[in-house]
Amino acid sequence: MNIRHRLSAEATRERIIAVAEEHFRRVGYAKTAVADIAAALGMSPANIYRFFPSKSAINDAICAKMMHEVDDMAREILARPLPAPEKLRIFLLELHRHNKSTLTHEHRIHDMVEVAMAENWPAIKAHIDSMVGVMAEIIGEGILSGHFRTVLLPEFAQTALEASAKIIHPTLIAHSADEDQEEQTGRLTDLILAALRP
């Protein structure tokens, strides 16, 4: 395959994802058929299947795109020249704010993410692994600087994220919308920091 053809195929995949995401936001992912995506692009459903083997593959690609945005945000926080305790506090707060603003306020996208999490789509598993990795790196920095005691990584990081479910899981955020979730996020972070204290 030559470079020109490969770039064209990649561009087509991106167009399919963009149109599918727009349909998901407008009518919901469950009500969007491959035929709808194809019609909006002026191509046949068979042509869509040249790039994605199934609608599930399109769903996962859209989910992966959204999760990559969160991963990029987390990596940017990780790169900041801050002490590990402050970095961990910012990481959990920004993760909460991002999930609340992008995954709970857009109900049709929230529905897709909820199913993705329940069914453990590949994009969700990769995202969780990435978040555990970022948390582990922050804790590792804190151990090296003397801010944190020595713990098993990434076991502690995974447990800390599991304990944070109420403030980072979109469904649990939505169910607690009438509570002061940022105050809860602060208390939960204090608890994790206390568990890490030398």
C-alpha atoms as a PDB file:
ATOM      1  CA  MET A   1       0.000   0.000   0.000  1.00  0.00           C
ATOM      2  CA  ASN A   2       1.452   3.383  -0.918  1.00  0.00           C
ATOM      3  CA  ILE A   3       1.575   6.354   1.483  1.00  0.00           C
ATOM      4  CA  ARG A   4      -1.008   8.350  -0.437  1.00  0.00           C
ATOM      5  CA  HIS A   5      -3.537   5.524  -0.282  1.00  0.00           C
ATOM      6  CA  ARG A   6      -2.856   4.941   3.443  1.00  0.00           C
ATOM      7  CA  LEU A   7      -3.364   8.623   4.274  1.00  0.00           C
ATOM      8  CA  SER A   8      -6.591   8.604   2.298  1.00  0.00           C
ATOM      9  CA  ALA A   9      -7.819   5.563   4.233  1.00  0.00           C
ATOM     10  CA  GLU A  10      -6.894   7.215   7.553  1.00  0.00           C
ATOM     11  CA  ALA A  11      -8.684  10.411   6.523  1.00  0.00           C
ATOM     12  CA  THR A  12     -11.770   8.398   5.575  1.00  0.00           C
ATOM     13  CA  ARG A  13     -11.754   6.604   8.935  1.00  0.00           C
ATOM     14  CA  GLU A  14     -11.560   9.975  10.697  1.00  0.00           C
ATOM     15  CA  ARG A  15     -14.484  11.306   8.637  1.00  0.00           C
ATOM     16  CA  ILE A  16     -16.567   8.233   9.503  1.00  0.00           C
ATOM     17  CA  ILE A  17     -15.788   8.678  13.206  1.00  0.00           C
ATOM     18  CA  ALA A  18     -16.612  12.403  13.094  1.00  0.00           C
ATOM     19  CA  VAL A  19     -19.972  11.865  11.351  1.00  0.00           C
ATOM     20  CA  ALA A  20     -20.889   8.946  13.623  1.00  0.00           C
ATOM     21  CA  GLU A  21     -20.058  11.000  16.717  1.00  0.00           C
ATOM     22  CA  GLU A  22     -22.217  13.867  15.459  1.00  0.00           C
ATOM     23  CA  HIS A  23     -25.121  11.431  14.960  1.00  0.00           C
ATOM     24  CA  PHE A  24     -24.562   9.930  18.418  1.00  0.00           C
ATOM     25  CA  ARG A  25     -24.719  13.378  20.008  1.00  0.00           C
ATOM     26  CA  ARG A  26     -27.871  14.276  18.076  1.00  0.00           C
ATOM     27  CA  VAL A  27     -29.987  11.093  18.200  1.00  0.00           C
ATOM     28  CA  GLY A  28     -28.046   8.704  20.438  1.00  0.00           C
ATOM     29  CA  TYR A  29     -25.691   5.888  19.592  1.00  0.00           C
ATOM     30  CA  ALA A  30     -28.386   3.186  19.899  1.00  0.00           C
ATOM     31  CA  LYS A  31     -30.572   4.923  17.295  1.00  0.00           C
ATOM     32  CA  THR A  32     -27.734   5.549  14.843  1.00  0.00           C
ATOM     33  CA  ALA A  33     -27.384   2.872  12.171  1.00  0.00           C
ATOM     34  CA  VAL A  34     -24.423   2.307   9.892  1.00  0.00           C
ATOM     35  CA  ALA A  35     -26.779   3.203   7.017  1.00  0.00           C
ATOM     36  CA  ASP A  36     -27.351   6.654   8.597  1.00  0.00           C
ATOM     37  CA  ILE A  37     -23.600   7.273   8.825  1.00  0.00           C
ATOM     38  CA  ALA A  38     -23.107   6.093   5.254  1.00  0.00           C
ATOM     39  CA  ALA A  39     -25.909   8.314   3.934  1.00  0.00           C
ATOM     40  CA  ALA A  40     -24.461  11.380   5.677  1.00  0.00           C
ATOM     41  CA  LEU A  41     -21.102  10.650   4.035  1.00  0.00           C
ATOM     42  CA  GLY A  42     -22.572   9.930   0.618  1.00  0.00           C
ATOM     43  CA  MET A  43     -21.288   6.377   0.556  1.00  0.00           C
ATOM     44  CA  SER A  44     -22.734   2.884   0.855  1.00  0.00           C
ATOM     45  CA  PRO A  45     -22.859   0.908   4.109  1.00  0.00           C
ATOM     46  CA  ALA A  46     -20.606  -1.669   2.434  1.00  0.00           C
ATOM     47  CA  ASN A  47     -17.976   1.049   2.033  1.00  0.00           C
ATOM     48  CA  ILE A  48     -18.181   1.839   5.762  1.00  0.00           C
ATOM     49  CA  TYR A  49     -17.494  -1.821   6.493  1.00  0.00           C
ATOM     50  CA  ARG A  50     -14.258  -1.567   4.510  1.00  0.00           C
ATOM     51  CA  PHE A  51     -12.941   0.655   7.295  1.00  0.00           C
ATOM     52  CA  PHE A  52     -14.817  -0.719  10.332  1.00  0.00           C
ATOM     53  CA  PRO A  53     -15.884  -4.378  10.586  1.00  0.00           C
ATOM     54  CA  SER A  54     -18.988  -3.527  12.631  1.00  0.00           C
ATOM     55  CA  LYS A  55     -20.949  -0.741  14.261  1.00  0.00           C
ATOM     56  CA  SER A  56     -19.365  -1.856  17.552  1.00  0.00           C
ATOM     57  CA  ALA A  57     -15.952  -1.037  16.084  1.00  0.00           C
ATOM     58  CA  ILE A  58     -17.184   2.479  15.240  1.00  0.00           C
ATOM     59  CA  ASN A  59     -18.578   2.832  18.784  1.00  0.00           C
ATOM     60  CA  ASP A  60     -15.251   1.786  20.271  1.00  0.00           C
ATOM     61  CA  ALA A  61     -13.309   4.163  18.000  1.00  0.00           C
ATOM     62  CA  ILE A  62     -15.456   7.110  19.144  1.00  0.00           C
ATOM     63  CA  CYS A  63     -15.098   6.045  22.762  1.00  0.00           C
ATOM     64  CA  ALA A  64     -11.313   5.722  22.299  1.00  0.00           C
ATOM     65  CA  LYS A  65     -11.169   9.250  20.828  1.00  0.00           C
ATOM     66  CA  MET A  66     -12.967  10.646  23.876  1.00  0.00           C
ATOM     67  CA  MET A  67     -10.805   8.674  26.297  1.00  0.00           C
ATOM     68  CA  HIS A  68      -7.609   9.851  24.551  1.00  0.00           C
ATOM     69  CA  GLU A  69      -8.631  13.436  25.357  1.00  0.00           C
ATOM     70  CA  VAL A  70      -8.761  12.528  29.066  1.00  0.00           C
ATOM     71  CA  ASP A  71      -5.465  10.641  28.799  1.00  0.00           C
ATOM     72  CA  ASP A  72      -3.818  13.700  27.224  1.00  0.00           C
ATOM     73  CA  MET A  73      -5.126  15.918  30.024  1.00  0.00           C
ATOM     74  CA  ALA A  74      -3.767  13.503  32.648  1.00  0.00           C
ATOM     75  CA  ARG A  75      -0.370  13.310  30.955  1.00  0.00           C
ATOM     76  CA  GLU A  76      -0.192  17.114  30.878  1.00  0.00           C
ATOM     77  CA  ILE A  77      -0.808  17.215  34.644  1.00  0.00           C
ATOM     78  CA  LEU A  78       1.836  14.526  35.144  1.00  0.00           C
ATOM     79  CA  ALA A  79       4.386  16.654  33.271  1.00  0.00           C
ATOM     80  CA  ARG A  80       3.880  19.716  35.494  1.00  0.00           C
ATOM     81  CA  PRO A  81       6.842  20.611  37.752  1.00  0.00           C
ATOM     82  CA  LEU A  82       4.866  20.280  40.986  1.00  0.00           C
ATOM     83  CA  PRO A  83       5.304  18.290  44.202  1.00  0.00           C
ATOM     84  CA  ALA A  84       3.604  14.896  43.989  1.00  0.00           C
ATOM     85  CA  PRO A  85       0.900  15.605  46.630  1.00  0.00           C
ATOM     86  CA  GLU A  86      -0.224  18.738  44.774  1.00  0.00           C
ATOM     87  CA  LYS A  87      -0.066  16.916  41.451  1.00  0.00           C
ATOM     88  CA  LEU A  88      -2.226  14.067  42.789  1.00  0.00           C
ATOM     89  CA  ARG A  89      -4.779  16.560  44.122  1.00  0.00           C
ATOM     90  CA  ILE A  90      -4.982  18.343  40.736  1.00  0.00           C
ATOM     91  CA  PHE A  91      -5.169  15.027  38.864  1.00  0.00           C
ATOM     92  CA  LEU A  92      -8.230  13.781  40.777  1.00  0.00           C
ATOM     93  CA  LEU A  93      -9.983  17.159  40.745  1.00  0.00           C
ATOM     94  CA  GLU A  94      -9.468  17.694  37.003  1.00  0.00           C
ATOM     95  CA  LEU A  95     -10.491  14.110  36.238  1.00  0.00           C
ATOM     96  CA  HIS A  96     -13.697  14.667  38.203  1.00  0.00           C
ATOM     97  CA  ARG A  97     -14.405  18.015  36.522  1.00  0.00           C
ATOM     98  CA  HIS A  98     -13.747  16.650  33.037  1.00  0.00           C
ATOM     99  CA  ASN A  99     -15.957  13.596  33.490  1.00  0.00           C
ATOM    100  CA  LYS A 100     -18.722  15.701  35.014  1.00  0.00           C
ATOM    101  CA  SER A 101     -18.702  18.318  32.262  1.00  0.00           C
ATOM    102  CA  THR A 102     -18.243  16.080  29.217  1.00  0.00           C
ATOM    103  CA  LEU A 103     -19.678  12.707  30.132  1.00  0.00           C
ATOM    104  CA  THR A 104     -22.668  13.492  32.336  1.00  0.00           C
ATOM    105  CA  HIS A 105     -24.085  16.682  30.784  1.00  0.00           C
ATOM    106  CA  GLU A 106     -24.299  15.201  27.271  1.00  0.00           C
ATOM    107  CA  HIS A 107     -26.863  12.499  27.953  1.00  0.00           C
ATOM    108  CA  ARG A 108     -26.593  10.696  24.617  1.00  0.00           C
ATOM    109  CA  ILE A 109     -22.809  10.436  24.872  1.00  0.00           C
ATOM    110  CA  HIS A 110     -23.184   9.484  28.549  1.00  0.00           C
ATOM    111  CA  ASP A 111     -25.417   6.563  27.495  1.00  0.00           C
ATOM    112  CA  MET A 112     -22.693   5.270  25.178  1.00  0.00           C
ATOM    113  CA  VAL A 113     -19.967   5.630  27.812  1.00  0.00           C
ATOM    114  CA  GLU A 114     -22.164   3.892  30.387  1.00  0.00           C
ATOM    115  CA  VAL A 115     -22.622   0.887  28.084  1.00  0.00           C
ATOM    116  CA  ALA A 116     -18.920   0.963  27.182  1.00  0.00           C
ATOM    117  CA  MET A 117     -17.992   0.762  30.867  1.00  0.00           C
ATOM    118  CA  ALA A 118     -20.561  -1.943  31.641  1.00  0.00           C
ATOM    119  CA  GLU A 119     -19.404  -4.056  28.683  1.00  0.00           C
ATOM    120  CA  ASN A 120     -15.698  -3.239  29.208  1.00  0.00           C
ATOM    121  CA  TRP A 121     -15.051  -2.102  25.620  1.00  0.00           C
ATOM    122  CA  PRO A 122     -11.350  -2.167  24.606  1.00  0.00           C
ATOM    123  CA  ALA A 123     -11.210   1.656  24.678  1.00  0.00           C
ATOM    124  CA  ILE A 124     -12.402   1.707  28.303  1.00  0.00           C
ATOM    125  CA  LYS A 125      -9.899  -0.937  29.396  1.00  0.00           C
ATOM    126  CA  ALA A 126      -7.065   0.987  27.719  1.00  0.00           C
ATOM    127  CA  HIS A 127      -8.248   4.213  29.407  1.00  0.00           C
ATOM    128  CA  ILE A 128      -8.389   2.645  32.868  1.00  0.00           C
ATOM    129  CA  ASP A 129      -4.903   1.204  32.357  1.00  0.00           C
ATOM    130  CA  SER A 130      -3.702   4.679  31.350  1.00  0.00           C
ATOM    131  CA  MET A 131      -5.240   6.331  34.439  1.00  0.00           C
ATOM    132  CA  VAL A 132      -3.718   3.702  36.737  1.00  0.00           C
ATOM    133  CA  GLY A 133      -0.385   4.346  35.009  1.00  0.00           C
ATOM    134  CA  VAL A 134      -0.584   8.111  35.582  1.00  0.00           C
ATOM    135  CA  MET A 135      -1.584   7.654  39.222  1.00  0.00           C
ATOM    136  CA  ALA A 136       1.289   5.183  39.700  1.00  0.00           C
ATOM    137  CA  GLU A 137       3.773   7.623  38.167  1.00  0.00           C
ATOM    138  CA  ILE A 138       2.614  10.442  40.458  1.00  0.00           C
ATOM    139  CA  ILE A 139       2.904   8.199  43.509  1.00  0.00           C
ATOM    140  CA  GLY A 140       6.295   6.977  42.298  1.00  0.00           C
ATOM    141  CA  GLU A 141       7.504  10.586  42.091  1.00  0.00           C
ATOM    142  CA  GLY A 142       6.251  11.155  45.634  1.00  0.00           C
ATOM    143  CA  ILE A 143       8.105   8.101  46.931  1.00  0.00           C
ATOM    144  CA  LEU A 144      11.351   9.285  45.316  1.00  0.00           C
ATOM    145  CA  SER A 145      10.959  12.803  46.730  1.00  0.00           C
ATOM    146  CA  GLY A 146      10.157  11.537  50.215  1.00  0.00           C
ATOM    147  CA  HIS A 147       6.588  12.925  50.223  1.00  0.00           C
ATOM    148  CA  PHE A 148       5.091   9.405  50.194  1.00  0.00           C
ATOM    149  CA  ARG A 149       5.919   6.136  51.896  1.00  0.00           C
ATOM    150  CA  THR A 150       6.905   3.138  49.784  1.00  0.00           C
ATOM    151  CA  VAL A 151       3.893   1.221  48.437  1.00  0.00           C
ATOM    152  CA  LEU A 152       3.358  -1.443  45.806  1.00  0.00           C
ATOM    153  CA  LEU A 153       2.843   0.107  42.385  1.00  0.00           C
ATOM    154  CA  PRO A 154       0.557  -0.117  40.458  1.00  0.00           C
ATOM    155  CA  GLU A 155      -1.555  -2.013  43.032  1.00  0.00           C
ATOM    156  CA  PHE A 156      -1.926   1.038  45.281  1.00  0.00           C
ATOM    157  CA  ALA A 157      -2.708   3.257  42.270  1.00  0.00           C
ATOM    158  CA  GLN A 158      -5.452   0.914  41.066  1.00  0.00           C
ATOM    159  CA  THR A 159      -6.963   0.675  44.546  1.00  0.00           C
ATOM    160  CA  ALA A 160      -6.886   4.472  44.923  1.00  0.00           C
ATOM    161  CA  LEU A 161      -8.729   4.915  41.622  1.00  0.00           C
ATOM    162  CA  GLU A 162     -11.265   2.229  42.526  1.00  0.00           C
ATOM    163  CA  ALA A 163     -11.869   4.056  45.819  1.00  0.00           C
ATOM    164  CA  SER A 164     -12.386   7.266  43.811  1.00  0.00           C
ATOM    165  CA  ALA A 165     -15.236   5.803  41.740  1.00  0.00           C
ATOM    166  CA  LYS A 166     -17.890   8.138  43.207  1.00  0.00           C
ATOM    167  CA  ILE A 167     -16.074  11.211  41.937  1.00  0.00           C
ATOM    168  CA  ILE A 168     -14.768   9.913  38.586  1.00  0.00           C
ATOM    169  CA  HIS A 169     -17.319   7.342  37.322  1.00  0.00           C
ATOM    170  CA  PRO A 170     -19.836   9.178  35.073  1.00  0.00           C
ATOM    171  CA  THR A 171     -22.854   7.214  36.342  1.00  0.00           C
ATOM    172  CA  LEU A 172     -22.012   7.795  40.011  1.00  0.00           C
ATOM    173  CA  ILE A 173     -21.311  11.480  39.325  1.00  0.00           C
ATOM    174  CA  ALA A 174     -24.738  11.802  37.679  1.00  0.00           C
ATOM    175  CA  HIS A 175     -26.483  10.089  40.623  1.00  0.00           C
ATOM    176  CA  SER A 176     -24.871  12.505  43.103  1.00  0.00           C
ATOM    177  CA  ALA A 177     -25.349  15.699  41.082  1.00  0.00           C
ATOM    178  CA  ASP A 178     -27.090  17.504  43.967  1.00  0.00           C
ATOM    179  CA  GLU A 179     -24.111  17.008  46.304  1.00  0.00           C
ATOM    180  CA  ASP A 180     -20.958  19.120  46.656  1.00  0.00           C
ATOM    181  CA  GLN A 181     -18.784  16.766  44.649  1.00  0.00           C
ATOM    182  CA  GLU A 182     -15.705  18.972  44.634  1.00  0.00           C
ATOM    183  CA  GLU A 183     -15.732  18.977  48.424  1.00  0.00           C
ATOM    184  CA  GLN A 184     -16.037  15.170  48.305  1.00  0.00           C
ATOM    185  CA  THR A 185     -13.148  15.033  45.846  1.00  0.00           C
ATOM    186  CA  GLY A 186     -11.024  17.055  48.274  1.00  0.00           C
ATOM    187  CA  ARG A 187     -11.866  14.765  51.202  1.00  0.00           C
ATOM    188  CA  LEU A 188     -11.152  11.652  49.171  1.00  0.00           C
ATOM    189  CA  THR A 189      -7.817  13.084  48.047  1.00  0.00           C
ATOM    190  CA  ASP A 190      -6.967  13.870  51.678  1.00  0.00           C
ATOM    191  CA  LEU A 191      -7.695  10.236  52.542  1.00  0.00           C
ATOM    192  CA  ILE A 192      -5.393   8.924  49.779  1.00  0.00           C
ATOM    193  CA  LEU A 193      -2.644  11.377  50.772  1.00  0.00           C
ATOM    194  CA  ALA A 194      -2.970  10.310  54.411  1.00  0.00           C
ATOM    195  CA  ALA A 195      -2.576   6.669  53.362  1.00  0.00           C
ATOM    196  CA  LEU A 196       0.609   7.636  51.506  1.00  0.00           C
ATOM    197  CA  ARG A 197       2.117   9.760  54.266  1.00  0.00           C
ATOM    198  CA  PRO A 198       5.553   8.529  55.429  1.00  0.00           C
END
